[in-house]
Protein backbone atom coordinates (compact mmCIF):
# COMPACT_ATOMS: atom_id res chain seq x y z
CA MET A 1 -1.25 16.78 -186.78
CA PRO A 2 -2.00 13.21 -185.63
CA VAL A 3 0.16 10.49 -187.11
CA GLU A 4 -0.54 6.77 -187.02
CA SER A 5 1.65 4.88 -184.54
CA GLU A 6 3.64 2.82 -187.06
CA LEU A 7 4.24 5.83 -189.31
CA ASN A 8 5.38 7.80 -186.27
CA LYS A 9 8.00 5.13 -185.48
CA VAL A 10 9.29 5.26 -189.06
CA LEU A 11 9.39 9.07 -189.05
CA LYS A 12 11.33 9.20 -185.77
CA GLU A 13 13.87 6.64 -186.94
CA MET A 14 14.34 8.34 -190.31
CA TRP A 15 14.89 11.69 -188.54
CA ARG A 16 17.42 10.03 -186.23
CA LEU A 17 19.29 8.52 -189.16
CA ASP A 18 19.23 11.83 -191.01
CA GLU A 19 20.67 13.62 -187.98
CA LYS A 20 23.36 10.93 -187.62
CA VAL A 21 24.47 11.35 -191.25
CA ASN A 22 24.37 15.15 -191.04
CA ALA A 23 26.60 14.99 -187.95
CA GLY A 24 29.17 13.02 -189.95
CA GLY A 25 28.25 9.56 -188.74
CA GLU A 26 28.04 6.48 -190.91
CA LEU A 27 25.00 4.24 -191.09
CA SER A 28 25.26 0.55 -190.32
CA ASP A 29 24.04 -1.95 -192.90
CA ALA A 30 20.83 -2.40 -190.91
CA GLU A 31 20.28 1.36 -190.80
CA LYS A 32 20.91 1.63 -194.55
CA ASP A 33 18.40 -1.15 -195.17
CA PHE A 34 15.81 0.60 -192.97
CA TRP A 35 16.45 3.89 -194.82
CA ASN A 36 16.09 2.30 -198.25
CA GLN A 37 12.95 0.37 -197.26
CA ASN A 38 11.22 3.45 -195.86
CA LEU A 39 12.37 6.25 -198.17
CA ASP A 40 9.19 6.04 -200.27
CA VAL A 41 7.08 6.18 -197.08
CA ILE A 42 8.83 9.40 -196.06
CA LYS A 43 8.56 10.92 -199.53
CA LYS A 44 4.81 10.23 -199.57
CA TYR A 45 4.38 11.59 -196.04
CA TYR A 46 6.05 14.89 -196.90
CA ALA A 47 4.28 15.16 -200.24
CA ASP A 48 0.91 14.60 -198.55
CA ASN A 49 1.71 17.05 -195.72
CA ASP A 50 3.55 19.70 -197.70
CA GLU A 51 1.43 22.57 -196.44
CA HIS A 52 2.05 21.67 -192.81
CA TRP A 53 5.83 21.45 -193.19
CA LYS A 54 6.39 24.53 -195.40
CA ASN A 55 6.85 26.80 -192.40
CA LYS A 56 8.79 24.34 -190.20
């Protein structure tokens, strides 16, 4: 599934931040700001691509 370059950068960073938190790490203020600014982008991405990610 092709993803636009800018969206791909956001997705990768959000996944990295998610893994960091799930491993017990704390986010810096800059990371929290990035997360909060891009949460709606991620929600829309997963809503739009629900079928693709159901089996992942």
